[in-house]
Amino acid sequence: MLTLKKAIEQRRSVRKFKSDPVSDEQIDALLDAARLAPSSCNSQPWRFKIIKDKKNKFKLAKAIHNQKFIADAPTVIICCGDLKGYLQNTISGIHRLNHNGIVDDALVKTIIKRNKNREKSWDRKLYGLLVSLNVNLAIENMILRALDFGLGSCYVGALDNQKIRDIFGWDYDIFPVAILLVGYPDESPGIRNIKKIADILI
């Protein structure tokens, strides 16, 4: 049985996949893992688009700096942040925490004031980067859950947000964070150069 420790140790970025399809049941399991991730004030701002057809995969590969290996993955998951949803849900979430006695009134006021200021200036690119911190937690859950099915994955963060929005007709409140490629590996990536614990302490 694959333990979480083993999954973390064995995970690799896979860019070459077999042609075998990823089942709908497996995709649902990945999405189920994603929705259980932690998020700020339980805001759950993640939104996902599942791509299996060749036409849209080729469009994505071209839009994302011609990274051709993207089009070869059996399943492509576009992982996005819902910016306005995040604003609304953080406010309702902080009120719930306050109601349950976990945070005090001062923090509630701070969160509400901060969100109002953000709505006024509304720099979507900057705000999207903040929301992406939450989305990436959900993506990590999917990456590790995929290993239970013998699936490999690759996180692609070099995006052109606007080109992706244009392909699907999304408005500016949907912020593409990353592309996750999923499929059965057709390669065995080697040992990674991982820093020692002493190197990551400050």
Foldseek 3Di string as FASTA:
>chain_A
DQDLVNLVQQADAFLAFDLDADDPVLVVVLVVLLLPFDDQLSLSFKDKDKDQDLVVQCLFCVQLVNVPSSSVFRIKIFIKGQQVSSLVNNLVSVVVCCVVVNDDPVVSVVSPVVSVVCVVVVPLVVSRVVRVVSSVRSVVSSQSSLVVVQKHKHKAQRGDQVSVCVVVVHDSSIGGGIMMGIHHHPDRDDDDDDDDPVVPDD
